[in-house]
Protein backbone atom coordinates (compact mmCIF):
# COMPACT_ATOMS: atom_id res chain seq x y z
CA MET A 1 -12.13 27.92 -23.67
CA ASP A 2 -14.48 29.02 -20.81
CA LYS A 3 -13.05 31.51 -18.39
CA LYS A 4 -11.37 30.63 -15.12
CA ILE A 5 -13.84 30.89 -11.88
CA THR A 6 -12.68 32.09 -8.08
CA VAL A 7 -13.03 29.35 -5.67
CA LYS A 8 -12.10 30.48 -1.55
CA PHE A 9 -11.06 28.70 0.89
CA PRO A 10 -11.25 31.34 3.99
CA LEU A 11 -10.45 28.80 6.84
CA LEU A 12 -6.99 28.41 4.70
CA ASN A 13 -6.71 32.04 4.11
CA LYS A 14 -6.04 30.76 -0.04
CA SER A 15 -7.91 31.32 -3.29
CA LEU A 16 -7.50 29.99 -6.76
CA GLU A 17 -8.78 30.48 -9.86
CA VAL A 18 -10.31 26.84 -11.59
CA GLU A 19 -11.79 25.02 -14.53
CA PRO A 20 -15.76 25.87 -14.48
CA GLY A 21 -17.44 22.22 -13.94
CA ILE A 22 -14.80 20.63 -11.83
CA LYS A 23 -15.67 19.19 -8.86
CA VAL A 24 -15.41 20.34 -5.45
CA SER A 25 -12.92 17.46 -4.65
CA ASP A 26 -10.85 18.48 -7.40
CA ALA A 27 -10.46 21.75 -6.03
CA CYS A 28 -9.81 20.72 -2.52
CA ALA A 29 -6.98 18.74 -4.35
CA ILE A 30 -5.68 21.67 -6.52
CA ALA A 31 -5.61 23.34 -2.96
CA GLY A 32 -3.41 20.75 -1.69
CA TYR A 33 -5.85 19.12 0.20
CA PRO A 34 -7.07 15.62 -1.88
CA LEU A 35 -9.99 14.29 0.07
CA ASN A 36 -10.51 10.90 0.70
CA LEU A 37 -12.81 9.47 -1.90
CA VAL A 38 -12.92 5.92 -0.45
CA CYS A 39 -15.74 5.34 -3.34
CA GLY A 40 -14.24 6.34 -5.69
CA GLY A 41 -16.59 9.46 -6.32
CA LYS A 42 -19.97 7.67 -6.36
CA GLY A 43 -21.17 9.68 -3.31
CA THR A 44 -21.43 6.61 -1.28
CA CYS A 45 -19.17 6.31 1.21
CA LYS A 46 -19.78 9.94 2.45
CA LYS A 47 -16.01 10.21 3.74
CA CYS A 48 -15.57 13.15 1.69
CA ALA A 49 -18.18 15.77 3.22
CA VAL A 50 -16.96 19.21 3.79
CA GLU A 51 -18.77 22.45 4.50
CA ILE A 52 -19.30 25.19 2.59
CA LYS A 53 -20.46 28.81 3.46
CA GLU A 54 -23.53 29.77 1.58
CA GLY A 55 -25.67 33.11 1.97
CA GLY A 56 -24.15 33.22 5.56
CA HIS A 57 -25.17 30.09 6.46
CA LEU A 58 -22.92 26.52 6.97
CA LYS A 59 -24.33 24.01 4.49
CA LYS A 60 -22.49 20.18 4.00
CA ILE A 61 -22.11 18.82 0.87
CA LEU A 62 -20.32 15.82 -0.52
CA SER A 63 -17.12 17.28 -2.15
CA CYS A 64 -17.49 14.22 -4.87
CA ARG A 65 -20.75 15.33 -6.49
CA GLU A 66 -21.22 18.97 -5.87
CA THR A 67 -19.81 21.33 -8.71
CA VAL A 68 -17.62 24.39 -8.23
CA TYR A 69 -19.26 27.86 -9.06
CA ASP A 70 -17.74 30.81 -9.40
CA ASN A 71 -16.81 32.95 -5.38
CA MET A 72 -17.94 29.43 -3.63
CA GLN A 73 -16.33 29.72 -0.24
CA ILE A 74 -15.02 26.05 0.86
CA MET A 75 -14.72 25.53 4.57
CA LEU A 76 -11.85 23.20 4.31
CA LYS A 77 -9.93 23.55 8.01
CA GLU A 78 -5.95 23.13 7.77
CA ASP A 79 -6.35 20.20 10.11
CA VAL A 80 -4.39 17.09 8.09
CA GLN A 81 -4.83 14.27 9.67
CA LYS A 82 -1.78 12.32 10.05
CA ALA A 83 -2.05 8.53 9.50
CA GLN A 84 -0.09 5.57 10.80
CA ILE A 85 1.78 4.28 8.52
CA LEU A 86 3.98 0.92 8.68
CA THR A 87 7.74 1.14 7.94
CA SER A 88 8.88 -1.22 10.39
CA SER A 89 10.55 -4.18 9.07
CA SER A 90 12.98 -7.04 10.04
CA LEU A 91 16.04 -6.85 7.43
CA ASP A 92 18.21 -9.91 8.12
CA GLU A 93 21.66 -10.01 6.64
CA ILE A 94 21.89 -10.75 3.27
CA ASN A 95 24.87 -11.58 0.41
CA PHE A 96 25.36 -7.59 -0.13
CA LYS A 97 25.73 -7.31 -4.23
CA PRO A 98 23.47 -4.61 -5.58
CA SER A 99 22.97 -4.91 -9.65
CA ILE A 100 23.63 -1.14 -9.67
CA ARG A 101 27.48 -0.42 -8.91
CA SER A 102 30.25 2.28 -9.86
CA LEU A 103 34.04 1.86 -10.96
CA LEU A 104 36.24 4.45 -10.98
CA PHE A 105 39.17 4.48 -13.87
CA LYS A 106 42.09 6.76 -13.62
CA ARG A 107 42.89 8.79 -16.69
CA GLU A 108 46.44 6.84 -17.08
CA GLU A 109 44.34 3.50 -16.87
CA LEU A 110 42.46 4.96 -19.84
CA LYS A 111 45.27 5.85 -22.15
CA THR A 112 44.17 4.57 -25.58
CA GLU A 113 47.01 3.93 -28.38
CA LEU A 114 47.38 5.50 -31.78
CA GLY A 115 44.37 4.64 -34.11
CA GLN A 116 42.65 2.64 -31.96
CA ASN A 117 39.35 3.77 -30.29
CA ASN A 118 38.66 4.62 -26.31
CA TRP A 119 35.40 1.60 -26.04
CA ASP A 120 38.07 -1.26 -26.44
CA VAL A 121 40.26 0.20 -23.83
CA LEU A 122 37.60 0.54 -21.43
CA HIS A 123 35.84 -2.97 -22.70
CA LYS A 124 38.90 -4.56 -21.52
CA LEU A 125 38.90 -2.75 -18.17
CA LEU A 126 35.54 -3.45 -17.36
CA GLY A 127 35.77 -7.47 -18.62
CA LYS A 128 34.26 -9.10 -21.82
CA GLU A 129 30.82 -9.91 -20.12
CA VAL A 130 29.90 -6.34 -20.02
CA GLU A 131 27.17 -5.28 -22.98
CA TYR A 132 27.98 -2.97 -26.11
CA PRO A 133 26.84 0.11 -25.07
CA THR A 134 24.22 2.40 -25.96
CA LEU A 135 24.28 5.13 -28.53
CA GLU A 136 23.41 7.29 -25.65
CA ILE A 137 26.34 6.56 -23.15
CA PHE A 138 28.79 6.36 -26.35
CA GLN A 139 27.37 9.64 -26.65
CA LYS A 140 28.33 10.88 -23.01
CA MET A 141 31.65 8.93 -23.20
CA SER A 142 32.99 10.72 -26.01
CA PHE A 143 32.65 13.94 -23.58
CA VAL A 144 34.34 12.45 -20.96
CA TYR A 145 36.24 9.90 -21.33
CA HIS A 146 39.66 12.31 -21.72
CA ASN A 147 38.59 14.16 -18.29
CA PRO A 148 41.97 14.30 -16.39
CA GLU A 149 40.60 12.69 -13.03
CA GLY A 150 38.91 9.97 -14.81
CA ILE A 151 35.56 8.60 -15.28
CA ASN A 152 33.29 6.79 -12.90
CA VAL A 153 31.22 4.24 -14.71
CA ILE A 154 27.65 3.12 -13.69
CA LEU A 155 26.40 -0.53 -14.41
CA ASN A 156 23.49 -2.50 -14.17
CA LYS A 157 24.44 -5.58 -13.51
CA ASN A 158 26.65 -6.08 -17.38
CA LYS A 159 25.20 -2.96 -18.78
CA ILE A 160 26.09 0.41 -18.70
CA ILE A 161 23.86 3.33 -17.91
CA ASP A 162 25.90 6.30 -17.13
CA ILE A 163 29.16 7.53 -17.50
CA GLN A 164 30.20 10.64 -15.46
CA PRO A 165 33.55 12.42 -15.09
CA ALA A 166 35.22 11.09 -11.90
CA GLY A 167 35.58 14.52 -10.44
CA TYR A 168 31.56 15.09 -10.42
CA SER A 169 30.58 12.72 -7.51
CA SER A 170 31.45 9.42 -6.13
CA LYS A 171 28.19 8.63 -4.42
CA LEU A 172 26.04 6.09 -5.18
CA TYR A 173 22.51 5.76 -3.85
CA GLY A 174 19.48 3.60 -4.26
CA ILE A 175 15.83 3.85 -2.87
CA ALA A 176 13.21 0.63 -2.16
CA PHE A 177 9.68 1.46 -1.98
CA ASP A 178 6.62 -0.11 -0.92
CA LEU A 179 3.92 1.58 -2.58
CA GLY A 180 0.67 0.48 -0.87
CA THR A 181 -3.00 1.04 -2.01
CA THR A 182 -3.16 3.98 1.08
CA SER A 183 0.23 4.47 1.87
CA VAL A 184 3.82 4.78 0.12
CA VAL A 185 7.18 4.07 2.25
CA GLY A 186 10.64 4.92 0.95
CA TYR A 187 14.24 3.73 2.33
CA LEU A 188 16.99 5.33 0.85
CA TYR A 189 20.51 3.50 0.73
CA ASP A 190 24.22 4.32 0.41
CA LEU A 191 25.00 1.41 -2.01
CA ASN A 192 29.04 1.97 -2.08
CA GLU A 193 28.79 1.56 1.84
CA ASN A 194 25.76 -0.49 2.37
CA ILE A 195 24.16 2.08 4.95
CA LEU A 196 20.54 2.89 5.36
CA ILE A 197 20.48 6.19 5.32
CA GLY A 198 16.83 7.14 5.98
CA ILE A 199 12.89 6.12 5.94
CA ASP A 200 10.10 8.45 4.74
CA SER A 201 6.72 7.35 4.00
CA THR A 202 3.10 8.96 3.19
CA LEU A 203 -0.48 8.78 1.62
CA ASN A 204 -0.73 7.24 -1.90
CA LYS A 205 -2.09 10.72 -3.72
CA GLN A 206 -4.54 8.27 -5.83
CA THR A 207 -6.94 8.15 -3.02
CA GLU A 208 -8.25 11.83 -3.89
CA LEU A 209 -9.63 9.81 -6.87
CA GLY A 210 -10.42 6.42 -4.71
CA GLY A 211 -9.50 4.58 -2.00
CA ASP A 212 -9.86 1.03 -3.40
CA VAL A 213 -8.22 -0.73 -6.16
CA ILE A 214 -11.53 -1.19 -8.00
CA SER A 215 -12.50 2.16 -7.40
CA ARG A 216 -9.46 3.57 -9.05
CA ILE A 217 -9.83 1.18 -12.54
CA ASP A 218 -13.14 2.08 -12.65
CA GLN A 219 -12.27 5.55 -12.81
CA VAL A 220 -10.01 4.70 -15.85
CA ILE A 221 -12.68 2.84 -17.50
CA ASN A 222 -15.02 5.60 -17.42
CA ASP A 223 -12.39 8.44 -18.19
CA LYS A 224 -9.34 6.78 -20.03
CA ASN A 225 -7.19 10.46 -19.29
CA LYS A 226 -7.98 9.44 -15.79
CA LEU A 227 -4.95 6.95 -15.91
CA SER A 228 -2.30 9.23 -16.49
CA ARG A 229 -4.04 11.81 -13.94
CA LEU A 230 -3.54 8.25 -11.50
CA GLN A 231 0.15 7.84 -12.73
CA GLN A 232 0.96 11.28 -11.90
CA LEU A 233 -0.45 11.20 -8.19
CA ALA A 234 1.32 7.96 -7.55
CA ILE A 235 4.60 9.59 -9.00
CA ASP A 236 3.82 12.32 -7.04
CA SER A 237 3.45 10.45 -3.92
CA LEU A 238 7.14 8.79 -4.67
CA ASN A 239 8.92 12.11 -5.38
CA GLN A 240 7.89 13.72 -2.40
CA ILE A 241 9.40 10.98 -0.37
CA VAL A 242 12.87 11.12 -2.51
CA GLU A 243 12.85 14.93 -1.71
CA ASN A 244 12.50 14.27 2.22
CA LEU A 245 14.90 12.20 2.15
CA CYS A 246 17.36 14.27 0.03
CA ARG A 247 16.65 17.38 2.28
CA GLU A 248 16.98 15.29 5.14
CA ASN A 249 20.00 13.70 4.57
CA GLU A 250 22.11 16.04 2.47
CA VAL A 251 22.05 13.50 -0.34
CA THR A 252 21.71 14.77 -4.60
CA ALA A 253 18.48 13.12 -5.82
CA LYS A 254 20.94 12.39 -9.19
CA ASP A 255 23.21 10.35 -7.43
CA ILE A 256 20.46 7.90 -7.04
CA TYR A 257 20.88 5.03 -9.79
CA HIS A 258 18.12 2.51 -8.83
CA ALA A 259 14.73 2.80 -7.48
CA THR A 260 13.05 -0.72 -6.78
CA LEU A 261 9.27 -0.50 -6.15
CA CYS A 262 6.83 -3.30 -4.90
CA GLY A 263 2.61 -3.33 -5.15
CA ASN A 264 -0.40 -4.89 -5.55
CA SER A 265 -1.34 -5.40 -9.48
CA THR A 266 -3.19 -2.48 -9.84
CA MET A 267 -0.61 -0.42 -8.65
CA GLN A 268 1.98 -1.90 -11.31
CA HIS A 269 -0.77 -0.89 -13.73
CA LEU A 270 -1.45 2.43 -12.34
CA ILE A 271 2.26 3.36 -12.22
CA LEU A 272 3.16 2.26 -15.09
CA GLY A 273 1.04 3.69 -17.26
CA PHE A 274 -0.80 0.41 -18.04
CA TYR A 275 -4.52 0.21 -19.20
CA PRO A 276 -6.29 -1.29 -15.94
CA GLU A 277 -9.88 -2.45 -17.58
CA HIS A 278 -9.18 -6.13 -18.13
CA LEU A 279 -7.32 -6.77 -14.38
CA GLY A 280 -10.63 -5.48 -12.84
CA LYS A 281 -13.07 -8.28 -14.26
CA ALA A 282 -12.83 -11.40 -15.28
CA PRO A 283 -10.63 -13.42 -16.03
CA PHE A 284 -8.60 -10.72 -14.52
CA THR A 285 -5.79 -10.61 -16.62
CA SER A 286 -2.54 -8.50 -16.34
CA THR A 287 -0.44 -6.74 -18.90
CA THR A 288 2.66 -8.97 -17.78
CA HIS A 289 3.71 -10.38 -14.82
CA GLY A 290 6.90 -10.27 -15.09
CA ALA A 291 9.77 -7.70 -13.47
CA VAL A 292 9.41 -4.02 -15.63
CA GLU A 293 12.60 -1.70 -15.87
CA ALA A 294 12.50 1.18 -16.82
CA LYS A 295 14.68 5.04 -17.15
CA GLY A 296 13.89 7.42 -14.22
CA GLU A 297 13.73 10.20 -16.51
CA ILE A 298 10.52 8.27 -18.37
CA LEU A 299 8.61 7.92 -15.59
CA GLY A 300 9.11 11.38 -14.23
CA LEU A 301 10.67 9.58 -11.49
CA LYS A 302 13.23 12.42 -9.47
CA ILE A 303 16.57 10.40 -9.39
CA SER A 304 19.07 10.37 -11.85
CA PRO A 305 17.43 10.71 -15.67
CA MET A 306 19.85 7.78 -16.38
CA GLY A 307 18.93 5.51 -13.38
CA ILE A 308 16.67 2.03 -13.32
CA VAL A 309 13.27 1.84 -11.81
CA SER A 310 12.46 -1.71 -10.97
CA PHE A 311 9.13 -2.91 -10.20
CA LEU A 312 9.13 -6.27 -9.03
CA PRO A 313 7.08 -9.27 -10.83
CA LEU A 314 3.74 -10.17 -9.93
CA LEU A 315 2.09 -13.84 -9.09
CA GLY A 316 -1.36 -14.03 -10.86
CA GLY A 317 -4.86 -12.31 -10.66
CA PHE A 318 -5.15 -9.69 -7.77
CA VAL A 319 -1.64 -10.90 -6.39
CA GLY A 320 0.74 -8.64 -6.97
CA ALA A 321 4.27 -7.84 -6.08
CA ASP A 322 3.71 -6.70 -2.86
CA THR A 323 3.43 -10.37 -2.15
CA THR A 324 6.29 -11.73 -4.03
CA ALA A 325 7.96 -9.01 -1.97
CA VAL A 326 6.60 -10.43 1.26
CA LEU A 327 7.70 -14.03 0.05
CA LEU A 328 11.22 -12.94 -0.70
CA SER A 329 11.82 -11.56 2.79
CA LEU A 330 10.88 -14.96 4.39
CA PRO A 331 13.72 -17.34 5.74
CA LYS A 332 14.50 -20.29 2.60
CA ASP A 333 14.49 -23.11 5.25
CA GLY A 334 12.49 -25.63 4.12
CA LYS A 335 9.50 -25.47 6.17
CA ALA A 336 6.13 -25.03 5.34
CA ARG A 337 3.93 -21.39 6.15
CA LEU A 338 1.18 -20.01 5.66
CA VAL A 339 1.14 -16.26 5.06
CA ILE A 340 -1.15 -13.61 4.92
CA ASP A 341 -0.82 -10.48 3.94
CA LEU A 342 -3.65 -7.68 5.26
CA GLY A 343 -4.20 -4.56 3.61
CA THR A 344 -7.16 -2.84 1.06
CA ASN A 345 -6.84 -6.45 -0.63
CA GLY A 346 -5.70 -9.66 1.18
CA GLU A 347 -3.40 -12.08 -0.28
CA ILE A 348 -2.62 -15.67 0.72
CA ALA A 349 0.17 -17.66 0.46
CA VAL A 350 1.33 -21.43 0.80
CA GLY A 351 4.39 -23.20 0.56
CA LYS A 352 7.98 -22.96 1.40
CA ASP A 353 11.25 -21.61 0.23
CA THR A 354 10.47 -20.11 -3.37
CA SER A 355 7.84 -22.36 -4.36
CA TYR A 356 4.33 -21.08 -3.41
CA HIS A 357 0.56 -21.17 -3.85
CA VAL A 358 -0.89 -17.80 -4.14
CA SER A 359 -4.76 -16.40 -4.27
CA SER A 360 -6.36 -13.15 -3.28
CA THR A 361 -9.52 -12.51 -1.28
CA ALA A 362 -11.77 -9.43 -0.98
CA CYS A 363 -11.07 -8.31 2.50
CA GLY A 364 -9.80 -4.71 3.10
CA PRO A 365 -12.44 -2.45 2.35
CA ALA A 366 -14.75 -2.88 5.02
CA LEU A 367 -11.95 -3.36 7.37
CA GLU A 368 -10.45 0.21 6.32
CA GLY A 369 -13.37 2.34 6.42
CA ALA A 370 -15.12 1.46 2.97
CA GLY A 371 -18.79 0.26 3.53
CA ILE A 372 -18.96 1.12 7.00
CA LYS A 373 -21.17 4.17 8.31
CA HIS A 374 -18.12 5.60 10.59
CA GLY A 375 -15.20 3.38 9.35
CA MET A 376 -11.88 5.23 8.83
CA ARG A 377 -8.28 5.03 8.16
CA GLY A 378 -5.82 4.13 10.65
CA THR A 379 -5.46 8.46 11.11
CA ASP A 380 -5.99 11.09 13.93
CA GLY A 381 -9.25 10.59 15.46
CA ALA A 382 -9.84 6.80 14.63
CA ILE A 383 -11.09 4.68 17.44
CA GLU A 384 -7.86 2.05 17.50
CA LYS A 385 -8.58 -0.08 20.60
CA VAL A 386 -11.70 -1.16 22.37
CA SER A 387 -12.21 -2.87 25.56
CA MET A 388 -13.64 -3.40 28.77
CA GLU A 389 -12.29 -2.06 32.19
CA ASP A 390 -14.38 -2.20 35.14
CA GLY A 391 -17.65 -3.12 33.60
CA LYS A 392 -17.45 -0.25 31.57
CA LEU A 393 -16.38 0.21 27.75
CA SER A 394 -13.13 1.62 26.83
CA TYR A 395 -11.35 2.69 24.01
CA GLN A 396 -7.97 4.15 22.94
CA VAL A 397 -7.97 7.35 20.09
CA ILE A 398 -5.04 7.13 17.78
CA GLY A 399 -3.75 11.25 18.59
CA ASN A 400 -5.49 11.22 22.17
CA ILE A 401 -8.27 13.32 20.74
CA LYS A 402 -11.80 13.36 20.45
CA PRO A 403 -12.95 10.41 17.98
CA GLN A 404 -14.11 10.38 14.56
CA GLY A 405 -14.48 6.90 13.48
CA ILE A 406 -13.40 3.55 14.04
CA CYS A 407 -10.41 2.09 12.09
CA GLY A 408 -9.60 -1.81 11.41
CA SER A 409 -7.65 -2.52 14.44
CA GLY A 410 -10.69 -1.16 16.45
CA VAL A 411 -13.44 -2.66 14.05
CA ILE A 412 -11.64 -6.52 14.97
CA ASP A 413 -11.46 -5.29 19.01
CA LEU A 414 -15.46 -4.30 18.84
CA MET A 415 -16.42 -7.59 17.05
CA ALA A 416 -14.62 -9.96 19.41
CA LEU A 417 -15.99 -7.47 22.70
CA LEU A 418 -19.14 -7.68 21.12
CA PHE A 419 -19.31 -11.61 20.65
CA SER A 420 -17.52 -12.55 23.74
CA GLN A 421 -20.40 -10.80 25.85
CA GLY A 422 -23.35 -11.81 24.14
CA VAL A 423 -24.49 -9.05 22.49
CA ILE A 424 -24.34 -10.49 18.90
CA ASN A 425 -24.59 -14.16 18.14
CA LYS A 426 -22.81 -15.90 16.09
CA ARG A 427 -24.93 -14.85 12.87
CA GLY A 428 -23.68 -11.41 13.25
CA ALA A 429 -27.81 -10.22 14.90
CA PHE A 430 -27.82 -8.10 17.94
CA VAL A 431 -29.59 -10.55 20.47
CA PRO A 432 -32.37 -8.72 22.36
CA ILE A 433 -31.30 -6.29 25.39
CA ASP A 434 -32.73 -7.97 28.04
CA LYS A 435 -30.11 -10.83 27.52
CA ILE A 436 -27.45 -8.69 27.36
CA VAL A 437 -25.72 -9.23 31.11
CA ASP A 438 -23.64 -6.09 30.94
CA ASN A 439 -25.27 -3.09 31.86
CA ASP A 440 -23.19 -0.51 30.02
CA LEU A 441 -22.94 -2.69 27.34
CA ALA A 442 -27.15 -2.93 27.03
CA ALA A 443 -27.12 0.98 27.20
CA ARG A 444 -25.21 1.19 24.02
CA VAL A 445 -27.83 -0.61 21.58
CA VAL A 446 -30.29 1.72 20.55
CA THR A 447 -32.10 2.26 17.40
CA ARG A 448 -30.75 4.79 14.37
CA GLU A 449 -32.10 5.02 11.05
CA GLU A 450 -34.36 2.08 11.78
CA GLN A 451 -31.88 -0.66 12.70
CA LYS A 452 -30.01 -1.87 15.43
CA VAL A 453 -26.84 -0.30 16.35
CA PHE A 454 -23.99 -0.42 19.17
CA VAL A 455 -22.58 3.70 20.08
CA LEU A 456 -19.55 3.41 20.63
CA ALA A 457 -19.24 6.90 21.42
CA PHE A 458 -22.09 9.00 22.49
CA LYS A 459 -22.61 12.70 20.69
CA GLU A 460 -21.07 14.46 23.69
CA GLU A 461 -17.84 12.12 23.56
CA SER A 462 -17.00 12.79 19.76
CA SER A 463 -15.87 15.19 17.50
CA LEU A 464 -18.58 15.01 14.98
CA ASN A 465 -21.41 15.91 17.27
CA GLU A 466 -23.13 13.35 16.90
CA ASP A 467 -23.12 9.71 18.05
CA ILE A 468 -20.27 7.30 16.17
CA TYR A 469 -21.86 4.26 16.72
CA PHE A 470 -21.80 0.23 14.43
CA SER A 471 -24.92 -0.87 12.81
CA GLN A 472 -26.16 -4.48 11.85
CA LYS A 473 -25.23 -3.32 8.08
CA ASP A 474 -21.83 -2.70 9.39
CA ILE A 475 -21.61 -6.29 11.31
CA ARG A 476 -22.15 -7.95 7.61
CA GLN A 477 -19.82 -6.23 6.07
CA VAL A 478 -17.25 -7.12 8.53
CA GLN A 479 -18.76 -10.72 8.15
CA LEU A 480 -18.43 -10.70 4.43
CA ALA A 481 -14.68 -9.29 5.06
CA LYS A 482 -13.57 -12.36 7.86
CA GLY A 483 -15.41 -15.12 5.96
CA ALA A 484 -13.72 -14.69 2.92
CA ILE A 485 -10.20 -13.82 4.35
CA TYR A 486 -10.55 -17.64 6.63
CA THR A 487 -11.82 -19.66 3.83
CA GLY A 488 -9.01 -18.11 1.64
CA CYS A 489 -6.77 -19.54 4.04
CA VAL A 490 -8.09 -23.12 4.56
CA MET A 491 -8.93 -23.65 0.49
CA LEU A 492 -5.54 -22.39 -0.31
CA MET A 493 -3.95 -25.15 1.94
CA GLU A 494 -6.33 -27.66 0.83
CA GLU A 495 -5.46 -26.98 -2.96
CA TYR A 496 -1.51 -27.18 -1.94
CA GLY A 497 -1.73 -30.29 0.31
CA ILE A 498 -1.11 -29.30 3.37
CA LYS A 499 -2.72 -29.72 6.98
CA GLY A 500 -3.22 -26.65 9.26
CA GLU A 501 -0.98 -28.54 12.09
CA ASN A 502 2.00 -29.31 9.78
CA LEU A 503 2.88 -25.56 9.06
CA THR A 504 5.73 -24.25 10.61
CA GLU A 505 4.09 -21.14 11.71
CA ILE A 506 1.43 -18.38 10.67
CA ILE A 507 2.75 -14.88 9.05
CA ILE A 508 0.76 -11.87 9.15
CA ALA A 509 2.15 -9.34 6.89
CA GLY A 510 0.83 -5.60 5.92
CA ALA A 511 -0.05 -2.54 7.96
CA PHE A 512 -3.37 -3.95 9.03
CA GLY A 513 -1.74 -7.30 10.00
CA ASN A 514 0.51 -5.24 12.48
CA TYR A 515 -2.32 -3.52 14.20
CA ILE A 516 -4.63 -6.14 15.15
CA ASP A 517 -4.79 -8.11 17.81
CA ILE A 518 -4.32 -11.68 16.50
CA GLU A 519 -6.02 -13.90 19.54
CA LYS A 520 -9.17 -11.58 18.94
CA ALA A 521 -9.04 -12.12 15.00
CA GLN A 522 -8.82 -15.58 15.76
CA SER A 523 -12.09 -14.97 18.36
CA ILE A 524 -14.28 -14.29 15.67
CA GLY A 525 -12.74 -16.76 13.06
CA MET A 526 -11.02 -14.21 11.27
CA LEU A 527 -8.02 -15.83 11.26
CA PRO A 528 -6.98 -19.69 11.12
CA TRP A 529 -6.09 -21.63 14.58
CA PHE A 530 -4.36 -24.45 14.75
CA LYS A 531 -2.78 -26.21 17.55
CA GLY A 532 0.74 -26.04 18.29
CA VAL A 533 1.31 -23.81 15.40
CA ASN A 534 2.54 -19.96 15.86
CA VAL A 535 1.10 -17.22 14.65
CA LYS A 536 3.12 -13.76 14.53
CA SER A 537 2.85 -10.64 12.94
CA ILE A 538 6.52 -9.28 10.56
CA GLY A 539 5.38 -5.88 9.97
CA ASN A 540 6.20 -4.18 6.30
CA ALA A 541 7.84 -7.53 4.66
CA ALA A 542 6.80 -5.80 1.60
CA GLY A 543 9.21 -3.19 2.00
CA THR A 544 11.72 -5.39 3.49
CA GLY A 545 11.84 -7.19 0.35
CA SER A 546 12.12 -4.40 -2.00
CA GLN A 547 15.22 -3.53 0.00
CA MET A 548 16.80 -7.02 -0.14
CA TYR A 549 15.90 -6.54 -4.15
CA LEU A 550 17.90 -3.42 -4.26
CA LEU A 551 20.75 -4.54 -2.22
CA SER A 552 21.57 -8.06 -3.37
CA GLU A 553 21.69 -9.06 -7.30
CA ASP A 554 21.02 -12.75 -5.64
CA LYS A 555 17.96 -11.65 -4.23
CA GLN A 556 16.74 -10.47 -7.70
CA ASN A 557 17.64 -14.01 -9.14
CA GLU A 558 15.77 -16.01 -6.02
CA CYS A 559 12.41 -12.94 -6.38
CA ASN A 560 12.25 -14.08 -10.10
CA GLU A 561 12.55 -17.64 -9.35
CA ILE A 562 9.47 -17.03 -6.76
CA ALA A 563 7.51 -15.65 -9.20
CA GLU A 564 8.50 -18.39 -12.16
CA ASN A 565 7.16 -21.17 -9.67
CA ALA A 566 3.98 -19.74 -8.08
CA VAL A 567 0.77 -21.62 -8.60
CA PHE A 568 -1.96 -18.62 -8.84
CA VAL A 569 -5.38 -20.67 -7.42
CA GLU A 570 -8.71 -18.89 -8.26
CA LEU A 571 -10.57 -20.05 -5.20
CA ALA A 572 -14.00 -18.68 -6.73
CA ASN A 573 -13.75 -21.72 -9.36
CA ASN A 574 -13.84 -24.05 -6.31
CA LYS A 575 -17.66 -25.45 -6.03
CA SER A 576 -17.20 -25.85 -2.62
CA PHE A 577 -16.08 -21.84 -2.25
CA ALA A 578 -19.73 -20.18 -2.10
CA THR A 579 -20.72 -23.07 0.61
CA GLN A 580 -17.85 -22.66 2.86
CA TYR A 581 -17.48 -19.01 2.57
CA MET A 582 -21.38 -18.65 3.96
CA THR A 583 -20.84 -20.94 6.97
CA ASN A 584 -17.30 -19.08 7.73
CA THR A 585 -19.29 -15.55 7.78
CA TYR A 586 -20.52 -16.99 11.39
CA PHE A 587 -18.85 -15.83 14.45
CA THR A 588 -16.87 -18.63 15.81
CA ASP A 589 -13.93 -18.76 18.55
CA LEU A 590 -11.59 -21.01 16.81
CA ARG A 591 -9.29 -21.28 19.79
CA LEU A 592 -12.23 -23.69 21.38
CA ARG A 593 -12.75 -25.91 18.53
């Protein structure tokens, strides 16, 4: 075994001993500062660049490509960017009936007659529908049944999952998670009182091995050991939320007996330890679409060891349990809706009640930073809004600091501005500078790296000490993304057999959808527009659905019904897809049609 080497972080006042041969990005993660490997460590996105000190000089390197050496000095700053993570959701009244419940039986109720057995007594109290216990439960029962104060029996539907002495605790909690590709949100509930105790969120720690689902799948294909690593990173993200919520609300984690999880198909595979290779290539098959349950201790989740972890069912292909949760959260009123969940991957559904056609389209990477020169997530330093004020370009930066790049909502604003002001034409190409009417906008169209770019923030304005710009290549990436979203919507509606004007409303779900300007997205032809049809954003509806699954057995049944009825449509198999897709990459103000 090779001798460990020392890696130093002078600005953090920290040094580590690490295995030789690992990448600088790995050393940063071990130090507790995982970097954003958007491209999965291929060295193409350049988002993980850090400075090292060699011979008294600073040198910028790509941390995912450089190998550590003994006494390497990595000049990482303790400048943890705070991400905008959407936690808000709208939880309407539901029939509060959690599948997890606790029943208290006093000692006098548990009296066993001469020569009889304890289970027969308890079974009669519980009711005949309760299943025969496992050996593990019988073992616990033998120790606690004769407790002077009685016992608490914890059930999941009709199955006993734990037995505790009555004096131990009468508390019963559950936690609902929305496990996103980029971020994770958790909602902690008192299941005895139907009270939301607290909400917490964090970035998904898997980002240190890849910013999108395809890059993470590739990591596992290239090195099967990465599956356990990615699984642990996801569990660590959940455990961080559990620990934070328990500490802040004085809750004992062992009293949490149910954790519900929703996430896309890749998140399901990675957190449950399913090998994901065939999910990432045609015909895009999953290990299972059904809901999966496991004990908390098996997954390493820091809830009760006997507690249940439930991952909601998938709907097909890359349409995962996050979409199932979104559909679960919608009213069951017989009205048809178009539902668009804009995240790293775009999921689309058309239908009503528990019957939907569903599909997915690759929209997220360009709109969340990947493939764009100065693109970044919605964290401190990201330009999130772009507008014109008094004939001058104006922008708003998250954290009110000097800009470092531009995030998805800013990208949509920028494209709408450039198109409406005639800086780019419908094909996405920059027009000649003498054709641009506004002088400030014209002055920002310059040449960088042998291509035309639009400068958002000049060198002296930015925190990068260089211009922050949007290039012709970047525009093309946005066109591909927006073309895929719009094409997916109209073609899925055709498959379902409904015209736009017959929709009740268009629903935009997900974090990205919550922050974008819907009218501007329609003004470039990204989101559909139909006369008289309202478009609204509903926040973190996946989180809402996950909470509903936690709080109501009726909603669990409804969720399973949605999954059973869903019709998955692979749009790429439609012969007209390519033609419509290329046409829809053009910028078009749909409101003017």
